[in-house]
């Protein structure tokens, strides 16, 4: 590629968490389409 030879990209493993599906909601779009969405329990990832 066109990256400089001295450039280094450090990559760290992704932080993962587990949560529970509380409910499934339905929203109505402006054209009348029904769009499902998930309501999840809060989960803390990455500290802070």
Protein backbone atom coordinates (compact mmCIF):
# COMPACT_ATOMS: atom_id res chain seq x y z
CA UNK A 1 0.00 0.00 0.00
CA UNK A 2 0.87 3.65 0.35
CA UNK A 3 1.50 3.60 4.10
CA UNK A 4 4.82 4.91 5.38
CA UNK A 5 7.33 2.15 6.20
CA UNK A 6 7.70 3.44 9.78
CA UNK A 7 3.96 3.38 10.56
CA UNK A 8 2.85 0.69 13.02
CA UNK A 9 -0.78 -0.15 13.86
CA UNK A 10 -1.20 -1.62 17.34
CA UNK A 11 -4.28 -3.79 17.66
CA UNK A 12 -5.73 -4.98 20.95
CA UNK A 13 -8.21 -7.80 21.50
CA UNK A 14 -11.84 -6.66 21.58
CA UNK A 15 -13.58 -6.41 24.95
CA UNK A 16 -16.65 -8.64 25.16
CA UNK A 17 -19.62 -8.73 27.50
CA UNK A 18 -22.80 -10.74 27.91
CA UNK A 19 -26.25 -9.28 28.48
CA UNK A 20 -29.86 -10.44 28.47
CA UNK A 21 -32.61 -9.62 26.01
CA UNK A 22 -35.35 -7.97 28.10
CA UNK A 23 -37.91 -7.30 25.38
CA UNK A 24 -38.38 -6.63 21.68
CA UNK A 25 -39.96 -3.28 20.80
CA UNK A 26 -41.55 -2.20 17.54
CA UNK A 27 -41.15 1.26 16.04
CA UNK A 28 -43.13 2.59 13.09
CA UNK A 29 -41.09 4.29 10.38
CA UNK A 30 -42.24 7.37 8.47
CA UNK A 31 -43.41 5.18 5.58
CA UNK A 32 -45.38 2.87 7.89
CA UNK A 33 -42.81 0.08 8.08
CA UNK A 34 -42.59 -1.80 11.39
CA UNK A 35 -39.03 -2.02 12.70
CA UNK A 36 -38.15 -4.34 15.59
CA UNK A 37 -35.48 -3.30 18.09
CA UNK A 38 -33.91 -5.02 21.09
CA UNK A 39 -34.22 -3.80 24.68
CA UNK A 40 -31.19 -5.12 26.58
CA UNK A 41 -30.05 -5.20 30.19
CA UNK A 42 -27.19 -2.73 30.77
CA UNK A 43 -23.70 -4.23 30.73
CA UNK A 44 -20.40 -2.63 31.71
CA UNK A 45 -17.42 -3.12 29.40
CA UNK A 46 -13.97 -1.61 29.57
CA UNK A 47 -14.15 -0.34 33.16
CA UNK A 48 -14.13 3.41 33.71
